[in-house]
Amino acid sequence: MGWLKRMFGLEKPSETDEEAVAAAQETAVAAQEAAGVDEIPPERVGLYGEYDQSGLAKRVVLAFDENDELDDEERLWVAQTSSKVVLKGEVSSQDILDKMVDVAMGVDGATEVDTEQVTVLG
């Protein structure tokens, strides 16, 4: 099971699923217009460009899924506090944790990665 499926119950977005992407983007634009919001803050942008309170966390998890060096660490969880990515739980090694921090910081909207709640097992 991948990161996105385990943490959010979602399948990875498919680039070939143009209808789903277009529908999500239309919904996002309509929601923005209804709320009178001109631009979504980077940390609130969802997987399809829509407003999502957990958008940054979901995009970080997707980035973990897309990185061949990062297998699903089943005892690690990803959350966010504003633009800070929060990692919680256990990882198998310091190298894996360091790679996760690098990947998370590369996601648009991430300004910091908090690892204080992570235990390194190996």
Foldseek 3Di string as FASTA:
>chain_A
DAQLCLAPVDDQDDPVPVVVLVVQVVVQVVVCVVVVHPAAQQCQQAPSRHGHPFRLQNVLSSLLRVDPVHGDQPQWGWGDDQQEIEIAGEDAAPVNVVVSQVSSCPRGSHDYYHDPRYDHDD
